[in-house]
Amino acid sequence: MAQAEVPYAAVPRTSTEGRVRFSDEQHGSDADVEDNELFEHPEALEVADNDTLYYGMTLGARRARKGRGFWVTVVSLVVVSVVGIFWLYFDGINWLQRSKKRNVILMISDGFGPASETMARNFVQQTRGLPVGFQSVLDEILVGASRTRSSDSLVTDSAAGATAFSCRMKSYNGAIGVDARRAPCGTVLEAAKLQRNMATGLVATSRITHATPGAFAAHVVHRDMEDLIAEYEVGNYSLGPVVDLLFGGGRCHFEPSTRANHSCRMDARDLLGEARGRGFRTLLSRKDFDALDAHSAALPLLGTFAPSHMDYEIDRDPHEQPSLAEMAEKALGILTAATKSANAGFFLMVEGSRIDMAAHTNDPAAHVREIIAYWDAIAVARAYVDAHPDTVLISVSDHETGGFSVAKQLGPEYPEYLWNPFALEPVKHSIEYISAQLLGPAAGDSAERYRLVRDTVFPEWLGIVNATHEEILDVAQESDSVRLRQRLSTITSDRAQLGWATHGHSAVDVNLYAYGKDAHLLRGNHENTDIGDFIVQTLGLDLDQVSTLIKNDRVVQNTPAVKQEWLGRRDLDAPEHHPHMH
């Protein structure tokens, strides 16, 4: 006869475990077992006996057993305490220090508004055949929005926008690291270096002396004073060098005016030489960049990979210039290695500078390629945060540019709903590049220029095979750079059905993205100064203390500032920005 099922597994008296256990079938069971059921099964009687092992002892035996348990507990606590003290002394302090380490990656997508994110997402999803639900690396980390006004206008410029981030205060359009009274204001980068001994870096695809990077490291009353911004960036002020790593364009502002065809400075100062004298290693080419070992590179570093702005992504020769993602990745590697054994982390600002410039020119093909290049850099930063959970990534724009809309009405009739991403896919060059070729001496006479437009510009560079004779003639005959760029913009934007309201900025709120340590604190709609507040609170900084230290530093350039024309008129090598280049 088969044995009756026993609900508990009996434990022999000889077992070292000494207590009964649930059987595998009874683990987690809610079934009730009445006492008399146990005695219906002789096999289970030993359970009851086992349960009385302790309580069946004499009083003295029970006291002795309790006493042994007490001393075992005491000895165990002493051993654990001694081991804990030794761990704390030899390794625990280092662990505690590491746990306090913080890294901040602030990424600024200059001129990038909400409609531009929609346009880029549509473009990638449609042209690559991705699912309708495709999300970009930014879509996945959207937390809110940033309001962008400056102290003197509802429509900010990049200088005031970046100063709101760096000094956490509103200032006037054109202000670089100065308050509304034109007094120097301490920046989060300076405070991170001075008060937390953090490593610091600036990366941009514009001139590294341009408004956004300049606002974190310099203090000048107007953004056009790039010669003075360059001096600040190599440490020529009361604080000395505070930026450990600079990657971008703008070498012309570091070279003396005596160096014809290279300099855009208004004086004869050789800032590259001065930087080397302060310990900087200077990088001037893609070859120099590639030779830089992120694990062993010594700081400080000054890398200028173009005379002025770096090339648009759509025009960039990867053998000549690194991409934004490549510069960001190498900067992160270098700053990580530099702070590996330190209690302090790093502050890194990375700007997708030319998103803005393409929108100034109303160039949708260049604009979307710059956004995708920025996404690549965001992917690099997100991967870094995943591997370093003591890091926070913030991505925000200083303002929107172009009054851009993902729609355009082409005539008086009710508009078609036909935004066409495929019209941008075959475009091979920016409007800036094309206009420079057409207005340069290589274009030849009017007949040669017509053939260049008909046979190369439209079919090869713009990917347009149905251009009309009137369109070809209008482009070939135009000699003014502003009107030429507008014609090229209209030709491409009409075919894609994308709209532009201005060649300047707009007042629209911009998207705010965050990822990593305490990113949830940025949820919601914020003033742009709140970004600076968040960084200050994250790192425990005192910007007022820095402002006191730099209150007497020079904020006006000794030489005349070169007034910048709006981007529709200025070519990269235009004489109004490069007075010494011929």
Protein backbone atom coordinates (compact mmCIF):
# COMPACT_ATOMS: atom_id res chain seq x y z
CA MET A 1 0.00 0.00 0.00
CA ALA A 2 1.30 3.41 -0.86
CA GLN A 3 2.22 5.70 1.99
CA ALA A 4 -0.18 8.49 2.81
CA GLU A 5 1.05 11.90 1.68
CA VAL A 6 2.70 13.83 4.51
CA PRO A 7 2.27 17.62 4.28
CA TYR A 8 5.59 18.36 6.00
CA ALA A 9 8.95 16.71 5.52
CA ALA A 10 10.03 15.21 8.84
CA VAL A 11 13.57 16.03 9.96
CA PRO A 12 15.44 13.20 11.72
CA ARG A 13 16.80 13.87 15.18
CA THR A 14 20.29 13.33 13.79
CA SER A 15 19.92 16.26 11.33
CA THR A 16 22.31 19.19 11.90
CA GLU A 17 19.63 21.57 10.73
CA GLY A 18 17.50 20.82 13.80
CA ARG A 19 14.25 22.34 12.53
CA VAL A 20 11.52 21.21 10.17
CA ARG A 21 11.14 22.64 6.69
CA PHE A 22 8.32 22.95 4.25
CA SER A 23 8.40 20.37 1.50
CA ASP A 24 8.80 21.63 -2.06
CA GLU A 25 5.09 21.12 -2.62
CA GLN A 26 4.16 23.15 0.45
CA HIS A 27 6.41 26.18 -0.08
CA GLY A 28 4.12 29.15 -0.41
CA SER A 29 1.01 27.05 0.23
CA ASP A 30 -1.90 28.65 2.02
CA ALA A 31 -3.39 25.27 3.02
CA ASP A 32 -4.18 24.85 6.74
CA VAL A 33 -3.08 21.65 8.47
CA GLU A 34 -4.88 20.87 11.68
CA ASP A 35 -2.93 19.32 14.55
CA ASN A 36 -4.96 16.11 14.61
CA GLU A 37 -4.17 15.51 10.93
CA LEU A 38 -0.52 15.06 11.80
CA PHE A 39 -1.32 12.24 14.17
CA GLU A 40 -3.29 10.39 11.54
CA HIS A 41 0.08 9.75 9.85
CA PRO A 42 2.68 7.97 11.98
CA GLU A 43 5.40 9.17 9.62
CA ALA A 44 4.78 12.72 10.74
CA LEU A 45 5.02 12.14 14.48
CA GLU A 46 8.71 12.87 14.42
CA VAL A 47 7.93 16.45 13.51
CA ALA A 48 6.30 17.04 16.85
CA ASP A 49 9.18 15.37 18.65
CA ASN A 50 11.64 17.55 16.79
CA ASP A 51 9.75 20.70 17.71
CA THR A 52 10.10 19.79 21.38
CA LEU A 53 13.88 19.31 21.24
CA TYR A 54 14.54 22.74 22.69
CA TYR A 55 11.50 23.08 24.95
CA GLY A 56 11.99 19.59 26.37
CA MET A 57 15.39 20.53 27.85
CA THR A 58 16.01 21.17 31.52
CA LEU A 59 16.12 24.79 32.67
CA GLY A 60 19.91 24.69 33.13
CA ALA A 61 20.46 23.22 29.68
CA ARG A 62 18.32 25.90 28.11
CA ARG A 63 20.26 28.66 29.94
CA ALA A 64 23.57 27.16 28.82
CA ARG A 65 22.38 27.07 25.25
CA LYS A 66 21.21 30.69 25.45
CA GLY A 67 24.56 31.71 26.93
CA ARG A 68 26.48 30.10 24.09
CA GLY A 69 24.24 31.93 21.58
CA PHE A 70 24.89 35.25 23.31
CA TRP A 71 28.68 34.91 23.13
CA VAL A 72 28.55 33.72 19.51
CA THR A 73 26.61 36.89 18.70
CA VAL A 74 29.10 39.10 20.56
CA VAL A 75 32.12 37.52 18.87
CA SER A 76 30.45 37.83 15.46
CA LEU A 77 29.76 41.52 16.00
CA VAL A 78 33.37 42.14 17.06
CA VAL A 79 34.73 40.36 13.97
CA VAL A 80 32.42 42.27 11.63
CA SER A 81 33.37 45.57 13.29
CA VAL A 82 37.11 44.91 12.97
CA VAL A 83 36.76 43.88 9.32
CA GLY A 84 34.62 46.98 8.67
CA ILE A 85 37.23 49.28 10.22
CA PHE A 86 40.02 47.77 8.15
CA TRP A 87 37.90 48.05 4.96
CA LEU A 88 37.05 51.66 5.71
CA TYR A 89 40.68 52.51 6.35
CA PHE A 90 42.18 50.79 3.34
CA ASP A 91 39.46 51.00 0.69
CA GLY A 92 36.22 52.34 2.10
CA ILE A 93 37.33 55.96 2.18
CA ASN A 94 38.17 55.75 -1.51
CA TRP A 95 34.77 54.20 -2.16
CA LEU A 96 33.01 56.97 -0.23
CA GLN A 97 34.96 59.58 -2.16
CA ARG A 98 34.04 57.97 -5.44
CA SER A 99 30.41 57.90 -4.40
CA LYS A 100 30.49 61.70 -4.07
CA LYS A 101 32.04 62.20 -7.49
CA ARG A 102 29.86 64.00 -9.99
CA ASN A 103 30.20 64.61 -13.72
CA VAL A 104 28.06 67.08 -15.65
CA ILE A 105 27.73 66.94 -19.44
CA LEU A 106 25.87 69.98 -20.76
CA MET A 107 25.02 69.67 -24.44
CA ILE A 108 23.67 72.73 -26.24
CA SER A 109 21.91 72.37 -29.58
CA ASP A 110 22.19 75.94 -30.84
CA GLY A 111 19.11 77.16 -32.69
CA PHE A 112 17.31 73.82 -32.40
CA GLY A 113 13.57 74.13 -31.84
CA PRO A 114 10.81 71.54 -31.36
CA ALA A 115 9.80 71.61 -35.05
CA SER A 116 13.37 70.79 -36.04
CA GLU A 117 13.31 67.66 -33.89
CA THR A 118 10.06 66.61 -35.57
CA MET A 119 11.51 67.27 -39.02
CA ALA A 120 14.68 65.26 -38.31
CA ARG A 121 12.71 62.35 -36.84
CA ASN A 122 10.39 62.29 -39.88
CA PHE A 123 13.37 62.48 -42.23
CA VAL A 124 15.19 59.54 -40.64
CA GLN A 125 12.06 57.43 -40.20
CA GLN A 126 10.92 57.94 -43.80
CA THR A 127 14.22 57.75 -45.66
CA ARG A 128 15.45 54.72 -43.70
CA GLY A 129 12.15 52.85 -43.70
CA LEU A 130 11.89 52.72 -39.90
CA PRO A 131 8.69 51.98 -37.95
CA VAL A 132 6.23 54.84 -37.47
CA GLY A 133 6.94 54.75 -33.73
CA PHE A 134 10.65 55.46 -34.19
CA GLN A 135 12.12 57.67 -31.49
CA SER A 136 15.40 59.54 -31.64
CA VAL A 137 17.96 59.39 -28.84
CA LEU A 138 16.57 62.76 -27.72
CA ASP A 139 12.89 61.76 -27.86
CA GLU A 140 13.63 59.03 -25.32
CA ILE A 141 14.96 61.48 -22.70
CA LEU A 142 12.57 64.43 -23.10
CA VAL A 143 11.76 65.89 -19.67
CA GLY A 144 10.37 69.36 -20.34
CA ALA A 145 10.92 72.74 -21.96
CA SER A 146 13.07 75.84 -21.48
CA ARG A 147 11.95 79.44 -21.87
CA THR A 148 14.52 81.53 -23.68
CA ARG A 149 14.03 85.31 -23.24
CA SER A 150 16.99 87.53 -22.35
CA SER A 151 16.99 90.52 -20.00
CA ASP A 152 16.33 93.01 -22.80
CA SER A 153 14.28 91.05 -25.32
CA LEU A 154 11.69 88.31 -25.61
CA VAL A 155 13.90 86.94 -28.41
CA THR A 156 17.35 86.02 -27.13
CA ASP A 157 20.63 85.65 -28.95
CA SER A 158 23.18 82.90 -28.32
CA ALA A 159 25.36 85.08 -26.08
CA ALA A 160 22.62 85.91 -23.59
CA GLY A 161 21.23 82.39 -23.90
CA ALA A 162 24.55 80.78 -23.00
CA THR A 163 25.17 83.30 -20.21
CA ALA A 164 21.84 82.24 -18.67
CA PHE A 165 23.21 78.69 -18.50
CA SER A 166 26.73 79.58 -17.40
CA CYS A 167 26.03 82.38 -14.88
CA ARG A 168 22.42 81.36 -14.08
CA MET A 169 21.24 84.91 -14.72
CA LYS A 170 19.47 86.86 -17.43
CA SER A 171 21.61 89.31 -19.36
CA TYR A 172 21.28 91.41 -22.49
CA ASN A 173 21.66 90.16 -26.06
CA GLY A 174 25.36 90.09 -26.92
CA ALA A 175 26.56 89.60 -23.33
CA ILE A 176 29.34 87.05 -22.81
CA GLY A 177 29.70 86.09 -19.14
CA VAL A 178 28.64 89.53 -17.89
CA ASP A 179 25.49 90.64 -16.10
CA ALA A 180 23.01 93.27 -17.25
CA ARG A 181 25.27 95.99 -15.79
CA ARG A 182 28.22 94.64 -17.83
CA ALA A 183 30.06 93.31 -14.79
CA PRO A 184 31.78 89.89 -14.97
CA CYS A 185 29.68 87.04 -13.58
CA GLY A 186 31.25 83.82 -12.36
CA THR A 187 30.42 80.76 -14.47
CA VAL A 188 29.69 77.17 -13.54
CA LEU A 189 32.84 76.11 -15.38
CA GLU A 190 35.06 78.50 -13.43
CA ALA A 191 33.48 77.52 -10.12
CA ALA A 192 33.79 73.81 -10.91
CA LYS A 193 37.52 74.27 -11.48
CA LEU A 194 38.24 76.62 -8.56
CA GLN A 195 35.93 75.22 -5.89
CA ARG A 196 35.76 71.52 -6.74
CA ASN A 197 39.03 71.02 -8.60
CA MET A 198 37.08 69.45 -11.43
CA ALA A 199 38.43 68.90 -14.93
CA THR A 200 36.71 71.14 -17.48
CA GLY A 201 36.14 71.11 -21.22
CA LEU A 202 34.49 72.97 -24.10
CA VAL A 203 33.67 71.34 -27.45
CA ALA A 204 31.99 73.09 -30.38
CA THR A 205 31.71 72.95 -34.16
CA SER A 206 31.78 76.75 -34.37
CA ARG A 207 34.82 78.84 -33.61
CA ILE A 208 35.70 77.95 -30.05
CA THR A 209 35.65 81.71 -29.42
CA HIS A 210 32.02 81.94 -30.54
CA ALA A 211 29.17 83.04 -28.27
CA THR A 212 28.21 79.76 -26.61
CA PRO A 213 31.64 78.39 -25.63
CA GLY A 214 32.81 81.91 -24.90
CA ALA A 215 30.09 82.48 -22.30
CA PHE A 216 31.47 79.69 -20.10
CA ALA A 217 35.09 80.83 -20.08
CA ALA A 218 35.19 84.58 -20.83
CA HIS A 219 33.74 87.91 -19.75
CA VAL A 220 33.27 90.52 -22.49
CA VAL A 221 30.59 93.11 -23.07
CA HIS A 222 29.91 91.98 -26.63
CA ARG A 223 30.17 88.68 -28.46
CA ASP A 224 32.06 90.26 -31.38
CA MET A 225 35.13 90.63 -29.14
CA GLU A 226 36.42 87.18 -30.03
CA ASP A 227 40.06 88.23 -29.80
CA LEU A 228 39.53 88.89 -26.08
CA ILE A 229 37.49 85.71 -25.66
CA ALA A 230 40.46 83.78 -27.03
CA GLU A 231 42.72 85.44 -24.45
CA TYR A 232 40.41 84.37 -21.64
CA GLU A 233 40.28 80.81 -22.93
CA VAL A 234 44.06 80.38 -22.69
CA GLY A 235 44.08 81.82 -19.18
CA ASN A 236 45.03 85.46 -19.76
CA TYR A 237 43.08 86.86 -16.77
CA SER A 238 43.10 86.84 -12.99
CA LEU A 239 42.06 83.19 -12.56
CA GLY A 240 44.60 81.83 -15.03
CA PRO A 241 43.73 78.81 -17.18
CA VAL A 242 40.44 77.26 -16.05
CA VAL A 243 39.51 75.35 -19.23
CA ASP A 244 41.47 72.10 -19.48
CA LEU A 245 40.26 71.05 -22.91
CA LEU A 246 39.07 73.06 -25.92
CA PHE A 247 38.05 71.38 -29.21
CA GLY A 248 36.50 73.25 -32.14
CA GLY A 249 37.23 75.71 -34.92
CA GLY A 250 38.43 79.31 -34.77
CA ARG A 251 42.21 79.01 -35.01
CA CYS A 252 42.35 82.42 -36.70
CA HIS A 253 41.63 84.18 -33.38
CA PHE A 254 44.70 82.59 -31.80
CA GLU A 255 47.18 83.47 -34.53
CA PRO A 256 48.89 86.89 -34.87
CA SER A 257 47.81 89.39 -37.52
CA THR A 258 51.33 89.20 -38.95
CA ARG A 259 50.57 85.69 -40.18
CA ALA A 260 48.86 86.55 -43.48
CA ASN A 261 46.12 84.24 -44.76
CA HIS A 262 45.82 82.61 -41.35
CA SER A 263 44.83 85.23 -38.78
CA CYS A 264 41.64 87.14 -38.07
CA ARG A 265 43.04 88.87 -34.98
CA MET A 266 43.32 92.64 -34.94
CA ASP A 267 46.68 92.56 -33.14
CA ALA A 268 49.99 90.72 -33.37
CA ARG A 269 49.57 88.49 -30.32
CA ASP A 270 50.39 84.83 -30.86
CA LEU A 271 47.96 83.10 -28.53
CA LEU A 272 48.94 79.64 -29.70
CA GLY A 273 52.45 80.40 -28.52
CA GLU A 274 51.15 81.90 -25.28
CA ALA A 275 49.01 78.82 -24.71
CA ARG A 276 52.01 76.54 -25.14
CA GLY A 277 53.86 78.72 -22.66
CA ARG A 278 51.09 78.00 -20.14
CA GLY A 279 51.39 74.27 -20.67
CA PHE A 280 48.78 73.72 -23.37
CA ARG A 281 49.35 71.12 -26.03
CA THR A 282 48.00 72.52 -29.30
CA LEU A 283 46.31 70.40 -31.97
CA LEU A 284 45.88 71.85 -35.44
CA SER A 285 44.72 68.99 -37.68
CA ARG A 286 42.80 65.76 -37.96
CA LYS A 287 46.12 63.96 -37.79
CA ASP A 288 46.90 65.63 -34.45
CA PHE A 289 43.43 64.68 -33.19
CA ASP A 290 43.77 61.04 -34.20
CA ALA A 291 47.22 60.79 -32.60
CA LEU A 292 45.81 61.92 -29.25
CA ASP A 293 45.50 58.98 -26.83
CA ALA A 294 42.47 59.58 -24.62
CA HIS A 295 43.88 57.37 -21.86
CA SER A 296 47.22 59.15 -21.52
CA ALA A 297 46.76 62.66 -22.92
CA ALA A 298 48.00 65.35 -20.56
CA LEU A 299 45.91 68.43 -19.91
CA PRO A 300 45.48 71.24 -20.86
CA LEU A 301 44.68 70.81 -24.57
CA LEU A 302 43.74 73.34 -27.26
CA GLY A 303 42.49 71.79 -30.50
CA THR A 304 41.47 74.12 -33.33
CA PHE A 305 40.63 72.08 -36.42
CA ALA A 306 39.60 74.87 -38.81
CA PRO A 307 40.54 78.54 -39.32
CA SER A 308 36.93 79.62 -38.66
CA HIS A 309 33.85 77.47 -38.09
CA MET A 310 34.21 73.77 -38.75
CA ASP A 311 32.47 72.52 -41.89
CA TYR A 312 28.84 71.57 -41.97
CA GLU A 313 28.36 67.84 -41.53
CA ILE A 314 26.94 67.66 -45.07
CA ASP A 315 30.21 69.17 -46.42
CA ARG A 316 32.69 67.70 -43.92
CA ASP A 317 35.63 65.68 -45.19
CA PRO A 318 36.16 63.04 -42.48
CA HIS A 319 39.85 62.88 -43.37
CA GLU A 320 40.23 66.58 -42.61
CA GLN A 321 37.98 67.30 -39.61
CA PRO A 322 36.58 65.18 -36.76
CA SER A 323 32.83 65.05 -36.20
CA LEU A 324 31.05 66.43 -33.16
CA ALA A 325 30.52 62.89 -31.85
CA GLU A 326 34.21 62.05 -32.27
CA MET A 327 35.28 65.18 -30.42
CA ALA A 328 32.77 64.53 -27.63
CA GLU A 329 33.86 60.92 -27.26
CA LYS A 330 37.54 61.79 -27.09
CA ALA A 331 36.88 64.65 -24.68
CA LEU A 332 34.95 62.31 -22.37
CA GLY A 333 37.76 59.76 -22.49
CA ILE A 334 40.42 62.35 -21.71
CA LEU A 335 38.50 63.97 -18.85
CA THR A 336 37.66 60.57 -17.37
CA ALA A 337 41.30 59.49 -17.42
CA ALA A 338 42.35 62.82 -15.90
CA THR A 339 39.95 62.39 -12.96
CA LYS A 340 40.24 58.63 -12.49
CA SER A 341 42.15 58.83 -9.21
CA ALA A 342 40.63 62.09 -8.03
CA ASN A 343 37.70 62.84 -5.75
CA ALA A 344 36.37 65.35 -8.29
CA GLY A 345 34.74 64.65 -11.65
CA PHE A 346 34.43 66.92 -14.66
CA PHE A 347 32.26 69.54 -16.32
CA LEU A 348 31.99 69.33 -20.12
CA MET A 349 30.00 71.58 -22.44
CA VAL A 350 29.39 70.25 -25.97
CA GLU A 351 27.70 72.46 -28.56
CA GLY A 352 26.10 71.45 -31.84
CA SER A 353 26.87 74.94 -33.10
CA ARG A 354 25.99 74.74 -36.75
CA ILE A 355 22.41 73.56 -36.32
CA ASP A 356 21.79 77.26 -35.76
CA MET A 357 23.81 78.49 -38.71
CA ALA A 358 22.02 76.24 -41.18
CA ALA A 359 18.72 77.60 -39.89
CA HIS A 360 19.98 81.19 -40.25
CA THR A 361 20.57 80.43 -43.92
CA ASN A 362 17.20 78.61 -44.11
CA ASP A 363 19.03 75.54 -45.42
CA PRO A 364 16.88 72.50 -44.55
CA ALA A 365 19.28 69.85 -45.89
CA ALA A 366 22.25 71.16 -43.91
CA HIS A 367 20.00 71.71 -40.89
CA VAL A 368 18.77 68.13 -40.73
CA ARG A 369 22.30 66.70 -41.18
CA GLU A 370 23.54 68.86 -38.29
CA ILE A 371 20.73 67.56 -36.08
CA ILE A 372 21.56 63.94 -36.91
CA ALA A 373 25.23 64.65 -36.15
CA TYR A 374 24.11 66.07 -32.80
CA TRP A 375 22.07 62.92 -32.18
CA ASP A 376 25.28 60.92 -32.73
CA ALA A 377 26.99 62.98 -30.04
CA ILE A 378 24.00 62.50 -27.71
CA ALA A 379 24.28 58.73 -28.21
CA VAL A 380 27.94 58.91 -27.16
CA ALA A 381 27.04 60.89 -24.04
CA ARG A 382 24.17 58.56 -23.11
CA ALA A 383 26.43 55.52 -23.41
CA TYR A 384 28.89 57.28 -21.12
CA VAL A 385 26.18 57.96 -18.53
CA ASP A 386 25.12 54.30 -18.65
CA ALA A 387 28.69 53.30 -17.76
CA HIS A 388 29.15 56.11 -15.20
CA PRO A 389 25.99 56.49 -13.09
CA ASP A 390 27.51 59.43 -11.17
CA THR A 391 27.00 61.53 -14.34
CA VAL A 392 24.11 63.68 -15.50
CA LEU A 393 23.53 64.63 -19.14
CA ILE A 394 21.54 67.77 -19.95
CA SER A 395 20.62 68.71 -23.51
CA VAL A 396 18.96 72.04 -24.24
CA SER A 397 18.88 74.76 -26.87
CA ASP A 398 19.67 78.41 -26.26
CA HIS A 399 16.87 79.42 -28.67
CA GLU A 400 15.08 78.43 -31.86
CA THR A 401 16.31 79.75 -35.21
CA GLY A 402 14.47 80.38 -38.45
CA GLY A 403 10.89 80.33 -37.21
CA PHE A 404 10.95 76.87 -38.77
CA SER A 405 7.77 74.94 -39.56
CA VAL A 406 7.18 71.48 -40.95
CA ALA A 407 4.73 72.87 -43.53
CA LYS A 408 4.65 75.45 -46.32
CA GLN A 409 1.90 76.98 -48.39
CA LEU A 410 3.07 77.33 -51.99
CA GLY A 411 0.20 79.39 -53.40
CA PRO A 412 -3.16 81.05 -52.71
CA GLU A 413 -5.05 77.76 -52.84
CA TYR A 414 -5.68 75.72 -49.70
CA PRO A 415 -2.31 74.07 -48.88
CA GLU A 416 -1.49 70.44 -49.51
CA TYR A 417 -0.42 68.34 -46.52
CA LEU A 418 2.64 67.02 -48.27
CA TRP A 419 5.85 67.60 -46.30
CA ASN A 420 8.31 65.52 -48.31
CA PRO A 421 11.47 64.30 -46.50
CA PHE A 422 12.74 62.62 -49.66
CA ALA A 423 13.42 66.01 -51.26
CA LEU A 424 16.29 66.50 -48.75
CA GLU A 425 17.81 63.04 -49.07
CA PRO A 426 19.85 63.53 -52.29
CA VAL A 427 21.26 66.95 -51.32
CA LYS A 428 25.07 66.68 -51.12
CA HIS A 429 26.20 70.17 -50.10
CA SER A 430 25.11 73.11 -47.99
CA ILE A 431 23.82 76.35 -49.46
CA GLU A 432 26.87 78.00 -47.92
CA TYR A 433 29.20 75.72 -49.90
CA ILE A 434 27.24 76.10 -53.15
CA SER A 435 27.06 79.89 -52.96
CA ALA A 436 30.79 80.10 -52.24
CA GLN A 437 31.50 78.05 -55.38
CA LEU A 438 29.18 80.14 -57.54
CA LEU A 439 30.52 83.49 -56.31
CA GLY A 440 34.16 82.47 -56.37
CA PRO A 441 36.60 82.97 -59.24
CA ALA A 442 36.47 79.29 -60.17
CA ALA A 443 32.90 79.72 -61.44
CA GLY A 444 34.19 81.47 -64.57
CA ASP A 445 32.22 83.73 -66.88
CA SER A 446 28.45 83.82 -67.19
CA ALA A 447 28.28 80.97 -69.71
CA GLU A 448 30.51 78.72 -67.59
CA ARG A 449 28.50 79.59 -64.54
CA TYR A 450 25.25 78.67 -66.28
CA ARG A 451 26.69 75.27 -67.21
CA LEU A 452 27.94 74.76 -63.63
CA VAL A 453 24.46 75.44 -62.29
CA ARG A 454 22.69 73.33 -64.91
CA ASP A 455 25.05 70.33 -64.93
CA THR A 456 26.38 70.25 -61.36
CA VAL A 457 24.55 72.40 -58.84
CA PHE A 458 21.03 71.15 -59.53
CA PRO A 459 21.48 67.48 -60.48
CA GLU A 460 24.53 66.60 -58.35
CA TRP A 461 24.67 68.95 -55.36
CA LEU A 462 20.93 69.52 -54.81
CA GLY A 463 19.69 66.23 -56.30
CA ILE A 464 17.10 68.06 -58.43
CA VAL A 465 16.54 66.65 -61.91
CA ASN A 466 13.43 68.66 -62.82
CA ALA A 467 14.79 72.20 -62.47
CA THR A 468 13.20 74.69 -64.83
CA HIS A 469 15.14 76.95 -67.18
CA GLU A 470 14.00 79.94 -65.10
CA GLU A 471 15.35 78.40 -61.88
CA ILE A 472 18.69 77.64 -63.48
CA LEU A 473 18.93 81.12 -64.97
CA ASP A 474 17.97 82.87 -61.71
CA VAL A 475 20.68 81.06 -59.77
CA ALA A 476 23.34 81.45 -62.47
CA GLN A 477 22.79 85.19 -62.83
CA GLU A 478 22.59 86.11 -59.15
CA SER A 479 25.70 87.89 -57.84
CA ASP A 480 24.56 88.91 -54.35
CA SER A 481 25.23 86.27 -51.68
CA VAL A 482 22.09 87.04 -49.66
CA ARG A 483 19.73 86.78 -52.62
CA LEU A 484 21.58 83.75 -53.99
CA ARG A 485 21.24 81.84 -50.73
CA GLN A 486 17.59 82.77 -50.49
CA ARG A 487 16.95 81.45 -54.00
CA LEU A 488 18.69 78.18 -53.18
CA SER A 489 16.75 77.91 -49.92
CA THR A 490 13.42 78.45 -51.67
CA ILE A 491 14.21 75.88 -54.35
CA THR A 492 14.91 73.16 -51.77
CA SER A 493 12.35 74.17 -49.14
CA ASP A 494 9.50 74.38 -51.69
CA ARG A 495 10.18 70.88 -52.92
CA ALA A 496 10.22 69.57 -49.35
CA GLN A 497 7.33 71.89 -48.33
CA LEU A 498 9.15 73.29 -45.31
CA GLY A 499 8.61 76.84 -44.07
CA TRP A 500 10.80 79.59 -42.62
CA ALA A 501 9.55 82.78 -40.96
CA THR A 502 12.90 84.54 -40.45
CA HIS A 503 16.66 84.41 -40.95
CA GLY A 504 17.00 85.19 -37.25
CA HIS A 505 15.81 83.71 -33.97
CA SER A 506 12.33 83.25 -32.52
CA ALA A 507 10.90 83.38 -28.99
CA VAL A 508 9.50 79.84 -28.95
CA ASP A 509 10.18 77.57 -25.95
CA VAL A 510 12.73 74.86 -26.70
CA ASN A 511 12.82 71.22 -25.63
CA LEU A 512 14.71 70.18 -22.51
CA TYR A 513 16.26 66.73 -22.26
CA ALA A 514 18.05 65.05 -19.35
CA TYR A 515 19.46 61.63 -18.53
CA GLY A 516 21.27 60.12 -15.57
CA LYS A 517 21.86 61.32 -12.01
CA ASP A 518 18.95 63.44 -10.72
CA ALA A 519 17.64 64.07 -14.25
CA HIS A 520 14.07 63.92 -12.93
CA LEU A 521 14.62 67.26 -11.17
CA LEU A 522 14.47 68.98 -14.57
CA ARG A 523 10.97 67.81 -15.42
CA GLY A 524 8.57 70.54 -16.43
CA ASN A 525 8.79 74.00 -17.94
CA HIS A 526 11.79 76.07 -16.82
CA GLU A 527 13.46 79.42 -17.32
CA ASN A 528 16.83 79.00 -19.02
CA THR A 529 18.52 80.20 -15.82
CA ASP A 530 17.14 77.11 -14.05
CA ILE A 531 19.63 75.01 -16.02
CA GLY A 532 22.46 76.94 -14.41
CA ASP A 533 20.77 76.59 -11.01
CA PHE A 534 20.55 72.83 -11.46
CA ILE A 535 24.28 72.59 -12.22
CA VAL A 536 25.13 74.80 -9.24
CA GLN A 537 23.06 72.63 -6.91
CA THR A 538 24.37 69.38 -8.38
CA LEU A 539 28.00 70.38 -7.88
CA GLY A 540 27.59 72.57 -4.81
CA LEU A 541 29.01 75.72 -6.38
CA ASP A 542 29.15 79.37 -5.29
CA LEU A 543 29.12 81.60 -8.38
CA ASP A 544 29.02 84.82 -6.36
CA GLN A 545 32.40 83.98 -4.89
CA VAL A 546 33.85 83.67 -8.38
CA SER A 547 32.22 86.93 -9.46
CA THR A 548 34.03 88.68 -6.60
CA LEU A 549 37.36 87.27 -7.72
CA ILE A 550 36.99 88.47 -11.32
CA LYS A 551 35.21 91.79 -10.74
CA ASN A 552 38.21 93.83 -11.97
CA ASP A 553 38.99 91.76 -15.07
CA ARG A 554 38.89 93.45 -18.45
CA VAL A 555 35.59 93.15 -20.33
CA VAL A 556 36.36 95.37 -23.33
CA GLN A 557 38.74 94.43 -26.14
CA ASN A 558 41.66 96.80 -26.73
CA THR A 559 41.43 96.48 -30.50
CA PRO A 560 38.31 97.13 -32.60
CA ALA A 561 35.83 94.26 -32.57
CA VAL A 562 34.93 92.82 -35.96
CA LYS A 563 31.20 93.27 -36.39
CA GLN A 564 29.57 90.07 -37.61
CA GLU A 565 27.10 90.27 -40.45
CA TRP A 566 24.11 88.01 -40.22
CA LEU A 567 24.89 84.62 -41.61
CA GLY A 568 23.04 85.08 -44.88
CA ARG A 569 25.70 87.53 -46.04
CA ARG A 570 28.85 86.22 -44.44
CA ASP A 571 30.92 83.55 -46.16
CA LEU A 572 33.41 81.69 -44.00
CA ASP A 573 36.29 83.51 -45.67
CA ALA A 574 34.52 86.81 -46.13
CA PRO A 575 36.80 89.83 -45.70
CA GLU A 576 34.55 91.42 -43.05
CA HIS A 577 35.48 88.62 -40.64
CA HIS A 578 38.99 87.83 -41.84
CA PRO A 579 40.58 91.25 -42.46
CA HIS A 580 44.08 89.79 -42.76
CA MET A 581 43.21 86.88 -45.03
CA HIS A 582 43.68 87.51 -48.74
